[in-house]
Amino acid sequence: MDTLPQFRNRLTATIWRWFAALGLHWLLLRAAFLLMQPATAAAAPQQPAIVHGTRLVAHAYAQRRRFAMRKGAAPCFALQLFFVIAGLAFSATAGIFRAYDVYMATRL
């Protein structure tokens, strides 16, 4: 008769762990976006001295943007990779806890 309440308690604990892992993953993702923002949101580019109109302005802006993206791409990729690995680790931990809970429930 104690099996059903124990199963309910383990299920509730597992659900809470999943929500905790989800919340932590969301928090780390928000931190990643906040840390990446300075690398992507550079200061407004200065207008070059253009004689031939908006086509040259657009071309100059595209070149500056490509150069700025190449310059800050490596730290952003490393940070994204770190947070993806951390998220996968948290998900794996939650799965391991769930498997352990199922294992313990079958032993009862």
N, C-alpha and C. Protein backbone atom coordinates (compact mmCIF):
# COMPACT_ATOMS: atom_id res chain seq x y z
N MET A 1 0.81 -1.20 0.00
CA MET A 1 0.00 0.00 0.00
C MET A 1 0.85 1.27 0.00
N ASP A 2 2.10 1.15 0.42
CA ASP A 2 2.96 2.32 0.42
C ASP A 2 3.57 2.60 -0.95
N THR A 3 3.39 1.70 -1.88
CA THR A 3 4.01 1.84 -3.19
C THR A 3 3.46 3.04 -3.95
N LEU A 4 2.17 3.23 -3.96
CA LEU A 4 1.57 4.32 -4.71
C LEU A 4 1.98 5.70 -4.16
N PRO A 5 1.93 5.94 -2.86
CA PRO A 5 2.40 7.24 -2.37
C PRO A 5 3.89 7.47 -2.64
N GLN A 6 4.69 6.42 -2.55
CA GLN A 6 6.12 6.58 -2.83
C GLN A 6 6.33 6.93 -4.30
N PHE A 7 5.60 6.26 -5.17
CA PHE A 7 5.71 6.56 -6.59
C PHE A 7 5.28 8.00 -6.87
N ARG A 8 4.19 8.43 -6.23
CA ARG A 8 3.72 9.81 -6.40
C ARG A 8 4.78 10.80 -5.91
N ASN A 9 5.40 10.52 -4.78
CA ASN A 9 6.43 11.41 -4.25
C ASN A 9 7.64 11.48 -5.18
N ARG A 10 8.04 10.33 -5.70
CA ARG A 10 9.18 10.32 -6.61
C ARG A 10 8.85 11.03 -7.92
N LEU A 11 7.65 10.84 -8.41
CA LEU A 11 7.23 11.52 -9.62
C LEU A 11 7.20 13.04 -9.41
N THR A 12 6.68 13.46 -8.29
CA THR A 12 6.64 14.90 -7.98
C THR A 12 8.06 15.47 -7.87
N ALA A 13 8.94 14.73 -7.20
CA ALA A 13 10.33 15.20 -7.09
C ALA A 13 11.00 15.28 -8.46
N THR A 14 10.71 14.32 -9.31
CA THR A 14 11.30 14.33 -10.66
C THR A 14 10.78 15.51 -11.46
N ILE A 15 9.50 15.79 -11.35
CA ILE A 15 8.94 16.94 -12.06
C ILE A 15 9.57 18.24 -11.56
N TRP A 16 9.75 18.35 -10.26
CA TRP A 16 10.41 19.54 -9.72
C TRP A 16 11.84 19.65 -10.23
N ARG A 17 12.55 18.53 -10.35
CA ARG A 17 13.92 18.55 -10.88
C ARG A 17 13.93 19.00 -12.34
N TRP A 18 12.96 18.53 -13.10
CA TRP A 18 12.89 18.95 -14.50
C TRP A 18 12.65 20.46 -14.59
N PHE A 19 11.76 20.99 -13.77
CA PHE A 19 11.52 22.44 -13.79
C PHE A 19 12.74 23.21 -13.31
N ALA A 20 13.45 22.68 -12.33
CA ALA A 20 14.67 23.34 -11.86
C ALA A 20 15.73 23.35 -12.96
N ALA A 21 15.88 22.22 -13.66
CA ALA A 21 16.84 22.16 -14.77
C ALA A 21 16.43 23.11 -15.89
N LEU A 22 15.14 23.16 -16.19
CA LEU A 22 14.65 24.06 -17.23
C LEU A 22 14.89 25.52 -16.84
N GLY A 23 14.62 25.85 -15.59
CA GLY A 23 14.85 27.22 -15.13
C GLY A 23 16.31 27.60 -15.16
N LEU A 24 17.18 26.68 -14.76
CA LEU A 24 18.61 26.96 -14.78
C LEU A 24 19.11 27.10 -16.21
N HIS A 25 18.60 26.26 -17.09
CA HIS A 25 18.98 26.35 -18.50
C HIS A 25 18.53 27.69 -19.08
N TRP A 26 17.31 28.11 -18.76
CA TRP A 26 16.81 29.40 -19.23
C TRP A 26 17.67 30.53 -18.68
N LEU A 27 18.04 30.46 -17.41
CA LEU A 27 18.87 31.49 -16.79
C LEU A 27 20.24 31.57 -17.46
N LEU A 28 20.85 30.42 -17.75
CA LEU A 28 22.15 30.42 -18.41
C LEU A 28 22.04 30.94 -19.85
N LEU A 29 20.94 30.65 -20.51
CA LEU A 29 20.73 31.16 -21.85
C LEU A 29 20.59 32.68 -21.84
N ARG A 30 19.86 33.20 -20.86
CA ARG A 30 19.75 34.66 -20.73
C ARG A 30 21.11 35.29 -20.46
N ALA A 31 21.91 34.63 -19.60
CA ALA A 31 23.25 35.14 -19.31
C ALA A 31 24.11 35.13 -20.57
N ALA A 32 23.96 34.10 -21.38
CA ALA A 32 24.73 34.04 -22.63
C ALA A 32 24.35 35.20 -23.54
N PHE A 33 23.07 35.49 -23.66
CA PHE A 33 22.64 36.60 -24.50
C PHE A 33 23.15 37.94 -23.96
N LEU A 34 23.14 38.09 -22.65
CA LEU A 34 23.64 39.34 -22.08
C LEU A 34 25.14 39.48 -22.27
N LEU A 35 25.87 38.37 -22.16
CA LEU A 35 27.32 38.43 -22.36
C LEU A 35 27.69 38.60 -23.83
N MET A 36 26.86 38.11 -24.74
CA MET A 36 27.16 38.25 -26.17
C MET A 36 26.79 39.62 -26.70
N GLN A 37 25.93 40.33 -26.04
CA GLN A 37 25.44 41.59 -26.57
C GLN A 37 26.56 42.60 -26.84
N PRO A 38 27.54 42.78 -25.94
CA PRO A 38 28.59 43.75 -26.28
C PRO A 38 29.38 43.38 -27.53
N ALA A 39 29.52 42.11 -27.82
CA ALA A 39 30.27 41.71 -29.00
C ALA A 39 29.47 41.96 -30.27
N THR A 40 28.16 41.91 -30.20
CA THR A 40 27.35 42.08 -31.41
C THR A 40 26.84 43.50 -31.58
N ALA A 41 26.62 44.20 -30.49
CA ALA A 41 26.07 45.55 -30.57
C ALA A 41 27.21 46.56 -30.49
N ALA A 42 27.93 46.71 -31.57
CA ALA A 42 29.04 47.66 -31.61
C ALA A 42 28.49 49.08 -31.71
N ALA A 43 29.38 50.02 -31.49
CA ALA A 43 28.97 51.42 -31.60
C ALA A 43 28.54 51.70 -33.05
N ALA A 44 27.70 52.71 -33.21
CA ALA A 44 27.21 53.06 -34.54
C ALA A 44 28.39 53.43 -35.43
N PRO A 45 28.45 52.86 -36.63
CA PRO A 45 29.58 53.16 -37.52
C PRO A 45 29.54 54.61 -37.97
N GLN A 46 30.71 55.18 -38.11
CA GLN A 46 30.78 56.55 -38.59
C GLN A 46 30.52 56.56 -40.09
N GLN A 47 29.83 57.58 -40.53
CA GLN A 47 29.51 57.69 -41.95
C GLN A 47 30.78 58.05 -42.73
N PRO A 48 31.16 57.22 -43.68
CA PRO A 48 32.33 57.56 -44.50
C PRO A 48 32.01 58.70 -45.46
N ALA A 49 33.05 59.34 -45.91
CA ALA A 49 32.86 60.42 -46.88
C ALA A 49 32.53 59.79 -48.23
N ILE A 50 31.28 59.88 -48.60
CA ILE A 50 30.80 59.24 -49.83
C ILE A 50 30.39 60.33 -50.82
N VAL A 51 30.80 60.14 -52.03
CA VAL A 51 30.44 61.08 -53.07
C VAL A 51 29.37 60.50 -53.98
N HIS A 52 29.36 59.19 -54.15
CA HIS A 52 28.51 58.57 -55.16
C HIS A 52 27.18 58.04 -54.62
N GLY A 53 26.74 58.46 -53.49
CA GLY A 53 25.39 58.14 -53.06
C GLY A 53 25.26 56.93 -52.15
N THR A 54 24.04 56.50 -52.04
CA THR A 54 23.70 55.49 -51.03
C THR A 54 24.28 54.12 -51.33
N ARG A 55 24.57 53.83 -52.59
CA ARG A 55 25.14 52.52 -52.91
C ARG A 55 26.51 52.35 -52.27
N LEU A 56 27.33 53.36 -52.33
CA LEU A 56 28.65 53.30 -51.72
C LEU A 56 28.54 53.26 -50.19
N VAL A 57 27.55 53.96 -49.64
CA VAL A 57 27.36 53.93 -48.19
C VAL A 57 26.99 52.52 -47.74
N ALA A 58 26.07 51.89 -48.47
CA ALA A 58 25.66 50.53 -48.12
C ALA A 58 26.83 49.57 -48.25
N HIS A 59 27.65 49.74 -49.27
CA HIS A 59 28.81 48.87 -49.47
C HIS A 59 29.82 49.04 -48.33
N ALA A 60 30.09 50.27 -47.94
CA ALA A 60 31.04 50.53 -46.86
C ALA A 60 30.51 49.97 -45.53
N TYR A 61 29.23 50.14 -45.30
CA TYR A 61 28.64 49.61 -44.06
C TYR A 61 28.71 48.08 -44.03
N ALA A 62 28.45 47.43 -45.16
CA ALA A 62 28.51 45.97 -45.22
C ALA A 62 29.93 45.47 -44.95
N GLN A 63 30.93 46.18 -45.49
CA GLN A 63 32.31 45.77 -45.23
C GLN A 63 32.66 45.91 -43.75
N ARG A 64 32.27 47.00 -43.13
CA ARG A 64 32.54 47.19 -41.69
C ARG A 64 31.83 46.14 -40.86
N ARG A 65 30.61 45.83 -41.25
CA ARG A 65 29.84 44.84 -40.49
C ARG A 65 30.49 43.46 -40.60
N ARG A 66 30.94 43.09 -41.80
CA ARG A 66 31.61 41.80 -41.97
C ARG A 66 32.88 41.75 -41.14
N PHE A 67 33.65 42.83 -41.13
CA PHE A 67 34.88 42.86 -40.36
C PHE A 67 34.59 42.76 -38.86
N ALA A 68 33.57 43.47 -38.39
CA ALA A 68 33.22 43.43 -36.96
C ALA A 68 32.71 42.05 -36.56
N MET A 69 31.97 41.39 -37.44
CA MET A 69 31.45 40.06 -37.12
C MET A 69 32.58 39.05 -37.06
N ARG A 70 33.56 39.17 -37.96
CA ARG A 70 34.69 38.25 -37.93
C ARG A 70 35.52 38.46 -36.67
N LYS A 71 35.64 39.69 -36.26
CA LYS A 71 36.47 40.03 -35.11
C LYS A 71 35.89 39.47 -33.82
N GLY A 72 34.56 39.51 -33.63
CA GLY A 72 33.95 39.08 -32.38
C GLY A 72 33.30 37.71 -32.45
N ALA A 73 33.51 36.98 -33.53
CA ALA A 73 32.80 35.71 -33.69
C ALA A 73 33.36 34.60 -32.81
N ALA A 74 34.67 34.56 -32.60
CA ALA A 74 35.27 33.45 -31.85
C ALA A 74 34.81 33.41 -30.39
N PRO A 75 34.82 34.51 -29.64
CA PRO A 75 34.35 34.42 -28.25
C PRO A 75 32.87 34.08 -28.16
N CYS A 76 32.07 34.57 -29.09
CA CYS A 76 30.64 34.26 -29.06
C CYS A 76 30.41 32.78 -29.30
N PHE A 77 31.14 32.20 -30.25
CA PHE A 77 30.96 30.79 -30.55
C PHE A 77 31.39 29.94 -29.35
N ALA A 78 32.49 30.32 -28.73
CA ALA A 78 32.97 29.56 -27.57
C ALA A 78 31.95 29.65 -26.43
N LEU A 79 31.37 30.81 -26.23
CA LEU A 79 30.38 30.99 -25.17
C LEU A 79 29.11 30.20 -25.48
N GLN A 80 28.68 30.23 -26.72
CA GLN A 80 27.51 29.45 -27.11
C GLN A 80 27.76 27.96 -26.93
N LEU A 81 28.93 27.51 -27.31
CA LEU A 81 29.28 26.10 -27.16
C LEU A 81 29.30 25.70 -25.69
N PHE A 82 29.84 26.56 -24.84
CA PHE A 82 29.86 26.28 -23.40
C PHE A 82 28.45 26.13 -22.84
N PHE A 83 27.56 27.04 -23.20
CA PHE A 83 26.21 26.98 -22.65
C PHE A 83 25.39 25.83 -23.25
N VAL A 84 25.67 25.46 -24.48
CA VAL A 84 24.99 24.29 -25.04
C VAL A 84 25.43 23.03 -24.30
N ILE A 85 26.74 22.91 -24.05
CA ILE A 85 27.24 21.74 -23.31
C ILE A 85 26.69 21.74 -21.90
N ALA A 86 26.63 22.91 -21.25
CA ALA A 86 26.08 22.98 -19.90
C ALA A 86 24.60 22.58 -19.89
N GLY A 87 23.84 23.02 -20.88
CA GLY A 87 22.43 22.65 -20.96
C GLY A 87 22.24 21.17 -21.18
N LEU A 88 23.08 20.59 -22.04
CA LEU A 88 23.00 19.14 -22.25
C LEU A 88 23.38 18.38 -20.99
N ALA A 89 24.36 18.89 -20.25
CA ALA A 89 24.75 18.23 -19.00
C ALA A 89 23.61 18.27 -17.99
N PHE A 90 22.93 19.40 -17.89
CA PHE A 90 21.81 19.49 -16.96
C PHE A 90 20.66 18.58 -17.38
N SER A 91 20.41 18.50 -18.68
CA SER A 91 19.36 17.60 -19.16
C SER A 91 19.73 16.14 -18.89
N ALA A 92 20.99 15.80 -19.10
CA ALA A 92 21.45 14.44 -18.83
C ALA A 92 21.34 14.12 -17.35
N THR A 93 21.66 15.08 -16.50
CA THR A 93 21.54 14.87 -15.06
C THR A 93 20.09 14.62 -14.68
N ALA A 94 19.18 15.38 -15.24
CA ALA A 94 17.77 15.16 -14.93
C ALA A 94 17.31 13.79 -15.42
N GLY A 95 17.80 13.37 -16.58
CA GLY A 95 17.46 12.04 -17.08
C GLY A 95 18.02 10.93 -16.21
N ILE A 96 19.23 11.14 -15.71
CA ILE A 96 19.84 10.15 -14.81
C ILE A 96 19.03 10.05 -13.52
N PHE A 97 18.62 11.18 -12.98
CA PHE A 97 17.79 11.16 -11.78
C PHE A 97 16.48 10.42 -12.04
N ARG A 98 15.90 10.65 -13.19
CA ARG A 98 14.65 9.97 -13.53
C ARG A 98 14.86 8.47 -13.65
N ALA A 99 15.93 8.07 -14.29
CA ALA A 99 16.23 6.63 -14.43
C ALA A 99 16.46 6.00 -13.06
N TYR A 100 17.15 6.72 -12.19
CA TYR A 100 17.39 6.21 -10.84
C TYR A 100 16.07 6.09 -10.07
N ASP A 101 15.19 7.06 -10.24
CA ASP A 101 13.89 7.00 -9.57
C ASP A 101 13.08 5.80 -10.05
N VAL A 102 13.11 5.55 -11.34
CA VAL A 102 12.39 4.39 -11.88
C VAL A 102 13.01 3.10 -11.36
N TYR A 103 14.33 3.05 -11.33
CA TYR A 103 15.04 1.87 -10.82
C TYR A 103 14.65 1.61 -9.36
N MET A 104 14.65 2.66 -8.55
CA MET A 104 14.30 2.51 -7.13
C MET A 104 12.84 2.11 -6.97
N ALA A 105 11.96 2.62 -7.84
CA ALA A 105 10.55 2.28 -7.74
C ALA A 105 10.32 0.81 -8.10
N THR A 106 11.12 0.27 -9.02
CA THR A 106 10.95 -1.14 -9.38
C THR A 106 11.50 -2.07 -8.33
N ARG A 107 12.40 -1.60 -7.50
CA ARG A 107 12.97 -2.44 -6.45
C ARG A 107 12.03 -2.59 -5.26
N LEU A 108 11.04 -1.70 -5.16
CA LEU A 108 10.13 -1.76 -4.01
C LEU A 108 9.13 -2.87 -4.11
